[in-house]
Amino acid sequence: MRVTEENVVQQIKLKNEETIPYLVNTYGGLLNAIIRRYLNGNPLDIEECIADVLVSIWFHIDSYDSTKNEFKQWIAAIAKYRAIDYIRKSEKQKQHISKNEFDERTAGQSSFMQDRLELSTLFKGLTEIERNIFEKYYVQGVPSKEIANDFQEKESWVHNKLSRGRKKLRTIFLKDEV
């Protein structure tokens, strides 16, 4: 059966493999634009993320509810959240790598002390709460959920503080480079 915009959901539910090229041709530009916005142009990640979105659509089509939103909006939301997942995965990898590098450097205590001084100097641009959160999250590796419990706040509050702190630090770095 020919795949059209009216029967695409039904055809995916029937596992008609002709729907995959249809999805790519019809919605590929939309998916690409959404994912590219979040992944900042890394072609391999973008391509892999689009493939993951298509797989998610294929296997989770039963969760689509036409009464809540249009199919196009539903796949756009999947693309957005898959891209965010890729960002998180990338950040975890960066954090893991930097943590390993940090562990290697601690073998020489003088460089460790120098790093601590640089961190404390760097964190001076942050408020005391932000500094505390940054040190727990980035230096000690404490999970955000645990930090939120320590401050008796929501986990989203911790992520908000981390995000705003990174923006402050970015501004500080840009001022120092100029």
N, C-alpha and C. Protein backbone atom coordinates (compact mmCIF):
# COMPACT_ATOMS: atom_id res chain seq x y z
N MET A 1 0.84 -1.19 0.00
CA MET A 1 0.00 0.00 0.00
C MET A 1 0.88 1.25 0.00
N ARG A 2 0.44 2.24 -0.72
CA ARG A 2 1.18 3.50 -0.82
C ARG A 2 1.06 4.28 0.48
N VAL A 3 2.20 4.84 0.94
CA VAL A 3 2.22 5.59 2.19
C VAL A 3 1.91 7.06 1.88
N THR A 4 0.94 7.61 2.62
CA THR A 4 0.57 9.01 2.48
C THR A 4 0.55 9.65 3.86
N GLU A 5 0.37 10.96 3.88
CA GLU A 5 0.33 11.67 5.15
C GLU A 5 -0.85 11.21 6.01
N GLU A 6 -1.92 10.83 5.34
CA GLU A 6 -3.12 10.39 6.07
C GLU A 6 -2.96 9.01 6.70
N ASN A 7 -2.15 8.13 6.07
CA ASN A 7 -2.06 6.77 6.60
C ASN A 7 -0.67 6.40 7.13
N VAL A 8 0.20 7.38 7.30
CA VAL A 8 1.57 7.08 7.73
C VAL A 8 1.60 6.40 9.10
N VAL A 9 0.78 6.86 10.03
CA VAL A 9 0.76 6.27 11.37
C VAL A 9 0.30 4.82 11.30
N GLN A 10 -0.76 4.59 10.54
CA GLN A 10 -1.28 3.23 10.38
C GLN A 10 -0.22 2.33 9.73
N GLN A 11 0.48 2.84 8.73
CA GLN A 11 1.49 2.04 8.04
C GLN A 11 2.68 1.72 8.94
N ILE A 12 3.04 2.64 9.82
CA ILE A 12 4.12 2.36 10.77
C ILE A 12 3.65 1.28 11.75
N LYS A 13 2.42 1.39 12.19
CA LYS A 13 1.88 0.37 13.11
C LYS A 13 1.85 -1.01 12.45
N LEU A 14 1.62 -1.03 11.14
CA LEU A 14 1.63 -2.29 10.39
C LEU A 14 3.06 -2.75 10.04
N LYS A 15 4.04 -1.93 10.44
CA LYS A 15 5.47 -2.19 10.19
C LYS A 15 5.78 -2.29 8.69
N ASN A 16 5.13 -1.43 7.92
CA ASN A 16 5.40 -1.33 6.49
C ASN A 16 6.72 -0.59 6.31
N GLU A 17 7.72 -1.27 5.80
CA GLU A 17 9.06 -0.69 5.69
C GLU A 17 9.14 0.46 4.70
N GLU A 18 8.14 0.63 3.86
CA GLU A 18 8.12 1.75 2.92
C GLU A 18 7.91 3.08 3.64
N THR A 19 7.49 3.02 4.90
CA THR A 19 7.27 4.25 5.65
C THR A 19 8.57 4.93 6.04
N ILE A 20 9.65 4.17 6.15
CA ILE A 20 10.93 4.79 6.55
C ILE A 20 11.41 5.77 5.49
N PRO A 21 11.51 5.37 4.21
CA PRO A 21 11.89 6.38 3.20
C PRO A 21 10.89 7.54 3.13
N TYR A 22 9.61 7.23 3.34
CA TYR A 22 8.60 8.30 3.34
C TYR A 22 8.89 9.29 4.47
N LEU A 23 9.18 8.79 5.67
CA LEU A 23 9.49 9.66 6.81
C LEU A 23 10.71 10.53 6.50
N VAL A 24 11.73 9.91 5.93
CA VAL A 24 12.97 10.65 5.62
C VAL A 24 12.69 11.73 4.59
N ASN A 25 11.95 11.38 3.54
CA ASN A 25 11.67 12.36 2.48
C ASN A 25 10.73 13.46 2.95
N THR A 26 9.74 13.11 3.74
CA THR A 26 8.73 14.09 4.15
C THR A 26 9.17 14.92 5.35
N TYR A 27 9.76 14.27 6.33
CA TYR A 27 10.07 14.95 7.59
C TYR A 27 11.57 15.08 7.87
N GLY A 28 12.39 14.60 6.95
CA GLY A 28 13.84 14.63 7.16
C GLY A 28 14.39 16.03 7.38
N GLY A 29 13.88 17.00 6.63
CA GLY A 29 14.35 18.38 6.79
C GLY A 29 14.01 18.93 8.16
N LEU A 30 12.80 18.66 8.62
CA LEU A 30 12.37 19.10 9.95
C LEU A 30 13.24 18.47 11.03
N LEU A 31 13.40 17.15 10.96
CA LEU A 31 14.22 16.44 11.95
C LEU A 31 15.65 16.97 11.95
N ASN A 32 16.20 17.14 10.74
CA ASN A 32 17.57 17.63 10.61
C ASN A 32 17.71 19.02 11.24
N ALA A 33 16.76 19.90 10.98
CA ALA A 33 16.84 21.27 11.51
C ALA A 33 16.76 21.28 13.04
N ILE A 34 15.86 20.49 13.58
CA ILE A 34 15.71 20.45 15.04
C ILE A 34 16.98 19.90 15.69
N ILE A 35 17.46 18.79 15.17
CA ILE A 35 18.63 18.14 15.75
C ILE A 35 19.88 18.99 15.57
N ARG A 36 20.02 19.60 14.40
CA ARG A 36 21.19 20.45 14.13
C ARG A 36 21.24 21.64 15.10
N ARG A 37 20.08 22.16 15.48
CA ARG A 37 20.01 23.29 16.40
C ARG A 37 20.62 22.91 17.76
N TYR A 38 20.39 21.68 18.19
CA TYR A 38 20.87 21.25 19.49
C TYR A 38 22.31 20.71 19.45
N LEU A 39 22.68 20.04 18.37
CA LEU A 39 23.99 19.38 18.32
C LEU A 39 25.08 20.22 17.66
N ASN A 40 24.78 21.44 17.30
CA ASN A 40 25.77 22.40 16.80
C ASN A 40 26.63 21.87 15.66
N GLY A 41 26.03 21.18 14.72
CA GLY A 41 26.70 20.86 13.48
C GLY A 41 27.66 19.71 13.46
N ASN A 42 27.73 18.85 14.46
CA ASN A 42 28.58 17.66 14.39
C ASN A 42 27.88 16.65 13.49
N PRO A 43 28.36 16.47 12.23
CA PRO A 43 27.63 15.66 11.25
C PRO A 43 27.40 14.21 11.68
N LEU A 44 28.37 13.60 12.32
CA LEU A 44 28.21 12.20 12.74
C LEU A 44 27.14 12.06 13.81
N ASP A 45 27.16 12.95 14.78
CA ASP A 45 26.14 12.92 15.84
C ASP A 45 24.75 13.20 15.28
N ILE A 46 24.67 14.15 14.35
CA ILE A 46 23.38 14.51 13.75
C ILE A 46 22.81 13.31 13.00
N GLU A 47 23.64 12.67 12.20
CA GLU A 47 23.21 11.51 11.43
C GLU A 47 22.76 10.37 12.35
N GLU A 48 23.55 10.12 13.38
CA GLU A 48 23.22 9.06 14.33
C GLU A 48 21.94 9.39 15.09
N CYS A 49 21.77 10.63 15.44
CA CYS A 49 20.58 11.06 16.19
C CYS A 49 19.33 10.93 15.31
N ILE A 50 19.43 11.30 14.04
CA ILE A 50 18.28 11.15 13.13
C ILE A 50 17.90 9.68 13.03
N ALA A 51 18.90 8.81 12.92
CA ALA A 51 18.62 7.37 12.87
C ALA A 51 17.92 6.91 14.16
N ASP A 52 18.38 7.41 15.30
CA ASP A 52 17.74 7.06 16.57
C ASP A 52 16.29 7.55 16.64
N VAL A 53 16.06 8.73 16.09
CA VAL A 53 14.69 9.28 16.07
C VAL A 53 13.79 8.38 15.23
N LEU A 54 14.28 7.96 14.06
CA LEU A 54 13.48 7.08 13.21
C LEU A 54 13.19 5.75 13.90
N VAL A 55 14.18 5.22 14.59
CA VAL A 55 13.99 3.96 15.34
C VAL A 55 12.96 4.18 16.45
N SER A 56 13.04 5.31 17.14
CA SER A 56 12.09 5.62 18.21
C SER A 56 10.67 5.73 17.66
N ILE A 57 10.53 6.39 16.53
CA ILE A 57 9.21 6.52 15.91
C ILE A 57 8.67 5.13 15.58
N TRP A 58 9.52 4.30 15.00
CA TRP A 58 9.14 2.96 14.57
C TRP A 58 8.67 2.11 15.75
N PHE A 59 9.42 2.12 16.85
CA PHE A 59 9.12 1.24 17.97
C PHE A 59 8.14 1.83 18.99
N HIS A 60 7.94 3.14 18.96
CA HIS A 60 7.04 3.76 19.94
C HIS A 60 5.80 4.38 19.32
N ILE A 61 5.46 3.95 18.12
CA ILE A 61 4.30 4.52 17.42
C ILE A 61 3.01 4.31 18.20
N ASP A 62 2.95 3.27 19.02
CA ASP A 62 1.74 3.01 19.80
C ASP A 62 1.50 4.09 20.86
N SER A 63 2.53 4.83 21.23
CA SER A 63 2.34 5.89 22.22
C SER A 63 1.86 7.20 21.58
N TYR A 64 1.80 7.25 20.24
CA TYR A 64 1.29 8.44 19.55
C TYR A 64 -0.22 8.53 19.75
N ASP A 65 -0.69 9.71 20.13
CA ASP A 65 -2.12 9.95 20.35
C ASP A 65 -2.53 11.14 19.48
N SER A 66 -3.30 10.86 18.46
CA SER A 66 -3.70 11.92 17.51
C SER A 66 -4.61 12.96 18.15
N THR A 67 -5.21 12.64 19.29
CA THR A 67 -6.06 13.63 19.95
C THR A 67 -5.25 14.68 20.70
N LYS A 68 -4.01 14.34 21.04
CA LYS A 68 -3.16 15.29 21.78
C LYS A 68 -2.39 16.23 20.87
N ASN A 69 -1.87 15.71 19.76
CA ASN A 69 -1.13 16.56 18.82
C ASN A 69 -1.01 15.89 17.47
N GLU A 70 -0.52 16.66 16.50
CA GLU A 70 -0.34 16.13 15.16
C GLU A 70 0.90 15.25 15.12
N PHE A 71 0.95 14.38 14.12
CA PHE A 71 2.08 13.46 13.96
C PHE A 71 3.39 14.24 13.80
N LYS A 72 3.34 15.31 13.04
CA LYS A 72 4.53 16.14 12.80
C LYS A 72 5.06 16.72 14.11
N GLN A 73 4.17 17.18 14.97
CA GLN A 73 4.58 17.72 16.27
C GLN A 73 5.17 16.62 17.15
N TRP A 74 4.57 15.45 17.09
CA TRP A 74 5.03 14.32 17.90
C TRP A 74 6.46 13.92 17.52
N ILE A 75 6.73 13.82 16.22
CA ILE A 75 8.09 13.43 15.81
C ILE A 75 9.08 14.56 16.06
N ALA A 76 8.60 15.80 15.99
CA ALA A 76 9.48 16.94 16.30
C ALA A 76 9.89 16.89 17.78
N ALA A 77 8.96 16.53 18.65
CA ALA A 77 9.27 16.41 20.08
C ALA A 77 10.26 15.28 20.32
N ILE A 78 10.07 14.16 19.62
CA ILE A 78 11.03 13.05 19.74
C ILE A 78 12.41 13.51 19.32
N ALA A 79 12.49 14.24 18.21
CA ALA A 79 13.79 14.72 17.72
C ALA A 79 14.45 15.64 18.75
N LYS A 80 13.68 16.52 19.33
CA LYS A 80 14.22 17.46 20.32
C LYS A 80 14.80 16.71 21.51
N TYR A 81 14.03 15.77 22.05
CA TYR A 81 14.49 15.07 23.25
C TYR A 81 15.61 14.09 22.97
N ARG A 82 15.66 13.52 21.77
CA ARG A 82 16.80 12.67 21.40
C ARG A 82 18.07 13.52 21.31
N ALA A 83 17.94 14.70 20.73
CA ALA A 83 19.10 15.60 20.62
C ALA A 83 19.59 16.01 22.00
N ILE A 84 18.68 16.29 22.91
CA ILE A 84 19.06 16.63 24.28
C ILE A 84 19.75 15.44 24.94
N ASP A 85 19.25 14.24 24.68
CA ASP A 85 19.92 13.04 25.20
C ASP A 85 21.35 12.93 24.69
N TYR A 86 21.55 13.26 23.41
CA TYR A 86 22.90 13.21 22.84
C TYR A 86 23.81 14.24 23.51
N ILE A 87 23.28 15.41 23.80
CA ILE A 87 24.07 16.44 24.48
C ILE A 87 24.47 15.93 25.85
N ARG A 88 23.53 15.34 26.58
CA ARG A 88 23.83 14.80 27.92
C ARG A 88 24.89 13.71 27.83
N LYS A 89 24.75 12.84 26.87
CA LYS A 89 25.71 11.75 26.69
C LYS A 89 27.10 12.32 26.40
N SER A 90 27.15 13.33 25.56
CA SER A 90 28.41 13.98 25.22
C SER A 90 29.03 14.65 26.44
N GLU A 91 28.19 15.33 27.24
CA GLU A 91 28.68 15.99 28.46
C GLU A 91 29.23 14.96 29.45
N LYS A 92 28.54 13.82 29.58
CA LYS A 92 29.01 12.77 30.48
C LYS A 92 30.37 12.26 30.03
N GLN A 93 30.54 12.08 28.71
CA GLN A 93 31.82 11.61 28.20
C GLN A 93 32.92 12.63 28.46
N LYS A 94 32.61 13.90 28.24
CA LYS A 94 33.60 14.95 28.51
C LYS A 94 33.95 14.98 29.98
N GLN A 95 32.93 14.86 30.83
CA GLN A 95 33.16 14.89 32.28
C GLN A 95 33.98 13.68 32.69
N HIS A 96 33.69 12.53 32.11
CA HIS A 96 34.44 11.31 32.43
C HIS A 96 35.90 11.46 32.02
N ILE A 97 36.13 11.99 30.82
CA ILE A 97 37.50 12.19 30.35
C ILE A 97 38.24 13.19 31.23
N SER A 98 37.59 14.32 31.53
CA SER A 98 38.26 15.33 32.35
C SER A 98 38.51 14.80 33.76
N LYS A 99 37.60 13.96 34.26
CA LYS A 99 37.80 13.39 35.60
C LYS A 99 39.01 12.46 35.59
N ASN A 100 39.16 11.67 34.52
CA ASN A 100 40.32 10.79 34.41
C ASN A 100 41.61 11.60 34.32
N GLU A 101 41.58 12.66 33.52
CA GLU A 101 42.75 13.53 33.43
C GLU A 101 43.06 14.14 34.79
N PHE A 102 42.02 14.54 35.51
CA PHE A 102 42.19 15.11 36.83
C PHE A 102 42.83 14.09 37.77
N ASP A 103 42.36 12.83 37.71
CA ASP A 103 42.92 11.77 38.55
C ASP A 103 44.39 11.52 38.22
N GLU A 104 44.74 11.59 36.93
CA GLU A 104 46.14 11.39 36.54
C GLU A 104 47.02 12.50 37.09
N ARG A 105 46.48 13.72 37.10
CA ARG A 105 47.26 14.86 37.57
C ARG A 105 47.46 14.83 39.07
N THR A 106 46.56 14.21 39.80
CA THR A 106 46.68 14.20 41.25
C THR A 106 47.87 13.37 41.71
N ALA A 107 48.46 12.60 40.80
CA ALA A 107 49.65 11.83 41.16
C ALA A 107 50.77 12.79 41.59
N GLY A 108 50.88 13.92 40.94
CA GLY A 108 51.83 14.96 41.34
C GLY A 108 51.11 15.99 42.18
N GLN A 109 51.32 15.98 43.49
CA GLN A 109 50.55 16.86 44.38
C GLN A 109 50.74 18.34 44.07
N SER A 110 51.91 18.73 43.58
CA SER A 110 52.10 20.16 43.31
C SER A 110 51.17 20.63 42.20
N SER A 111 51.00 19.81 41.16
CA SER A 111 50.08 20.21 40.10
C SER A 111 48.65 20.17 40.61
N PHE A 112 48.36 19.25 41.52
CA PHE A 112 47.02 19.18 42.12
C PHE A 112 46.73 20.47 42.88
N MET A 113 47.67 20.91 43.70
CA MET A 113 47.46 22.14 44.47
C MET A 113 47.33 23.34 43.53
N GLN A 114 48.11 23.35 42.45
CA GLN A 114 48.03 24.44 41.49
C GLN A 114 46.64 24.45 40.84
N ASP A 115 46.12 23.26 40.49
CA ASP A 115 44.78 23.16 39.90
C ASP A 115 43.72 23.66 40.88
N ARG A 116 43.86 23.30 42.15
CA ARG A 116 42.90 23.75 43.17
C ARG A 116 42.91 25.27 43.28
N LEU A 117 44.12 25.87 43.22
CA LEU A 117 44.21 27.33 43.28
C LEU A 117 43.55 27.95 42.06
N GLU A 118 43.78 27.36 40.88
CA GLU A 118 43.17 27.88 39.67
C GLU A 118 41.64 27.75 39.74
N LEU A 119 41.15 26.63 40.26
CA LEU A 119 39.71 26.45 40.40
C LEU A 119 39.12 27.48 41.36
N SER A 120 39.78 27.68 42.48
CA SER A 120 39.23 28.63 43.45
C SER A 120 39.25 30.05 42.87
N THR A 121 40.28 30.38 42.10
CA THR A 121 40.34 31.68 41.44
C THR A 121 39.23 31.80 40.42
N LEU A 122 39.04 30.74 39.66
CA LEU A 122 38.01 30.72 38.63
C LEU A 122 36.61 30.85 39.25
N PHE A 123 36.37 30.15 40.34
CA PHE A 123 35.06 30.13 40.97
C PHE A 123 34.75 31.41 41.73
N LYS A 124 35.72 32.33 41.87
CA LYS A 124 35.47 33.58 42.58
C LYS A 124 34.38 34.42 41.91
N GLY A 125 34.18 34.21 40.61
CA GLY A 125 33.14 34.94 39.88
C GLY A 125 31.74 34.44 40.16
N LEU A 126 31.64 33.36 40.93
CA LEU A 126 30.33 32.77 41.23
C LEU A 126 29.89 33.12 42.65
N THR A 127 28.60 33.02 42.89
CA THR A 127 28.11 33.21 44.26
C THR A 127 28.55 32.01 45.10
N GLU A 128 28.41 32.13 46.40
CA GLU A 128 28.84 31.05 47.29
C GLU A 128 28.06 29.76 47.01
N ILE A 129 26.76 29.88 46.78
CA ILE A 129 25.94 28.70 46.49
C ILE A 129 26.37 28.07 45.17
N GLU A 130 26.56 28.90 44.13
CA GLU A 130 26.99 28.38 42.82
C GLU A 130 28.36 27.70 42.95
N ARG A 131 29.26 28.33 43.70
CA ARG A 131 30.60 27.78 43.91
C ARG A 131 30.50 26.39 44.57
N ASN A 132 29.66 26.31 45.58
CA ASN A 132 29.46 25.05 46.30
C ASN A 132 28.90 23.98 45.37
N ILE A 133 27.91 24.35 44.57
CA ILE A 133 27.30 23.40 43.63
C ILE A 133 28.31 22.97 42.57
N PHE A 134 29.06 23.93 42.01
CA PHE A 134 30.05 23.62 41.00
C PHE A 134 31.12 22.67 41.54
N GLU A 135 31.59 22.95 42.74
CA GLU A 135 32.63 22.09 43.31
C GLU A 135 32.10 20.68 43.55
N LYS A 136 30.90 20.58 44.08
CA LYS A 136 30.33 19.24 44.31
C LYS A 136 30.13 18.50 43.00
N TYR A 137 29.56 19.19 42.01
CA TYR A 137 29.19 18.54 40.75
C TYR A 137 30.40 18.24 39.87
N TYR A 138 31.24 19.25 39.64
CA TYR A 138 32.33 19.09 38.68
C TYR A 138 33.62 18.55 39.29
N VAL A 139 33.91 18.89 40.53
CA VAL A 139 35.16 18.46 41.14
C VAL A 139 34.98 17.14 41.88
N GLN A 140 33.96 17.07 42.72
CA GLN A 140 33.75 15.86 43.52
C GLN A 140 32.92 14.80 42.81
N GLY A 141 32.23 15.19 41.74
CA GLY A 141 31.43 14.24 40.98
C GLY A 141 30.15 13.80 41.66
N VAL A 142 29.61 14.64 42.53
CA VAL A 142 28.37 14.32 43.23
C VAL A 142 27.21 14.46 42.24
N PRO A 143 26.32 13.47 42.17
CA PRO A 143 25.17 13.57 41.25
C PRO A 143 24.26 14.74 41.60
N SER A 144 23.64 15.30 40.58
CA SER A 144 22.79 16.48 40.78
C SER A 144 21.62 16.20 41.72
N LYS A 145 21.11 14.99 41.70
CA LYS A 145 19.99 14.64 42.58
C LYS A 145 20.42 14.73 44.05
N GLU A 146 21.63 14.27 44.33
CA GLU A 146 22.16 14.32 45.69
C GLU A 146 22.40 15.76 46.14
N ILE A 147 22.91 16.58 45.22
CA ILE A 147 23.13 18.00 45.52
C ILE A 147 21.79 18.67 45.84
N ALA A 148 20.78 18.34 45.03
CA ALA A 148 19.44 18.91 45.26
C ALA A 148 18.93 18.53 46.64
N ASN A 149 19.16 17.29 47.04
CA ASN A 149 18.73 16.85 48.37
C ASN A 149 19.47 17.62 49.46
N ASP A 150 20.77 17.87 49.27
CA ASP A 150 21.55 18.62 50.25
C ASP A 150 21.00 20.03 50.45
N PHE A 151 20.55 20.65 49.35
CA PHE A 151 20.02 22.01 49.43
C PHE A 151 18.51 22.04 49.64
N GLN A 152 17.90 20.87 49.72
CA GLN A 152 16.45 20.73 49.86
C GLN A 152 15.74 21.49 48.74
N GLU A 153 16.23 21.26 47.53
CA GLU A 153 15.65 21.87 46.34
C GLU A 153 15.36 20.78 45.31
N LYS A 154 14.74 21.18 44.20
CA LYS A 154 14.49 20.25 43.11
C LYS A 154 15.76 20.08 42.29
N GLU A 155 15.87 18.95 41.60
CA GLU A 155 17.03 18.69 40.76
C GLU A 155 17.14 19.72 39.64
N SER A 156 16.01 20.20 39.13
CA SER A 156 16.02 21.22 38.08
C SER A 156 16.66 22.51 38.57
N TRP A 157 16.52 22.80 39.85
CA TRP A 157 17.15 23.99 40.44
C TRP A 157 18.66 23.88 40.34
N VAL A 158 19.20 22.69 40.61
CA VAL A 158 20.65 22.46 40.52
C VAL A 158 21.11 22.66 39.08
N HIS A 159 20.38 22.09 38.13
CA HIS A 159 20.76 22.24 36.72
C HIS A 159 20.69 23.70 36.28
N ASN A 160 19.71 24.43 36.81
CA ASN A 160 19.58 25.84 36.51
C ASN A 160 20.80 26.61 37.03
N LYS A 161 21.19 26.32 38.29
CA LYS A 161 22.36 26.98 38.88
C LYS A 161 23.63 26.66 38.09
N LEU A 162 23.78 25.39 37.67
CA LEU A 162 24.95 24.99 36.88
C LEU A 162 24.97 25.72 35.54
N SER A 163 23.82 25.82 34.91
CA SER A 163 23.73 26.49 33.62
C SER A 163 24.08 27.97 33.74
N ARG A 164 23.50 28.63 34.74
CA ARG A 164 23.79 30.06 34.93
C ARG A 164 25.24 30.29 35.32
N GLY A 165 25.78 29.38 36.12
CA GLY A 165 27.19 29.49 36.52
C GLY A 165 28.11 29.34 35.32
N ARG A 166 27.79 28.38 34.43
CA ARG A 166 28.61 28.21 33.22
C ARG A 166 28.57 29.47 32.36
N LYS A 167 27.39 30.09 32.26
CA LYS A 167 27.28 31.33 31.49
C LYS A 167 28.14 32.43 32.11
N LYS A 168 28.13 32.53 33.43
CA LYS A 168 28.97 33.53 34.12
C LYS A 168 30.44 33.26 33.82
N LEU A 169 30.84 32.00 33.94
CA LEU A 169 32.24 31.65 33.70
C LEU A 169 32.64 31.92 32.25
N ARG A 170 31.73 31.64 31.32
CA ARG A 170 31.99 31.91 29.90
C ARG A 170 32.23 33.40 29.71
N THR A 171 31.40 34.23 30.35
CA THR A 171 31.55 35.68 30.26
C THR A 171 32.90 36.12 30.83
N ILE A 172 33.28 35.53 31.95
CA ILE A 172 34.57 35.85 32.58
C ILE A 172 35.71 35.48 31.64
N PHE A 173 35.63 34.30 31.03
CA PHE A 173 36.66 33.84 30.10
C PHE A 173 36.76 34.78 28.91
N LEU A 174 35.63 35.20 28.36
CA LEU A 174 35.63 36.07 27.20
C LEU A 174 36.24 37.43 27.53
N LYS A 175 35.99 37.93 28.74
CA LYS A 175 36.58 39.20 29.16
C LYS A 175 38.09 39.07 29.26
N ASP A 176 38.58 37.93 29.79
CA ASP A 176 40.01 37.72 29.95
C ASP A 176 40.73 37.54 28.63
N GLU A 177 40.04 36.97 27.61
CA GLU A 177 40.69 36.73 26.32
C GLU A 177 40.86 38.00 25.52
N VAL A 178 39.96 38.98 25.70
CA VAL A 178 39.98 40.21 24.90
C VAL A 178 41.03 41.15 25.37
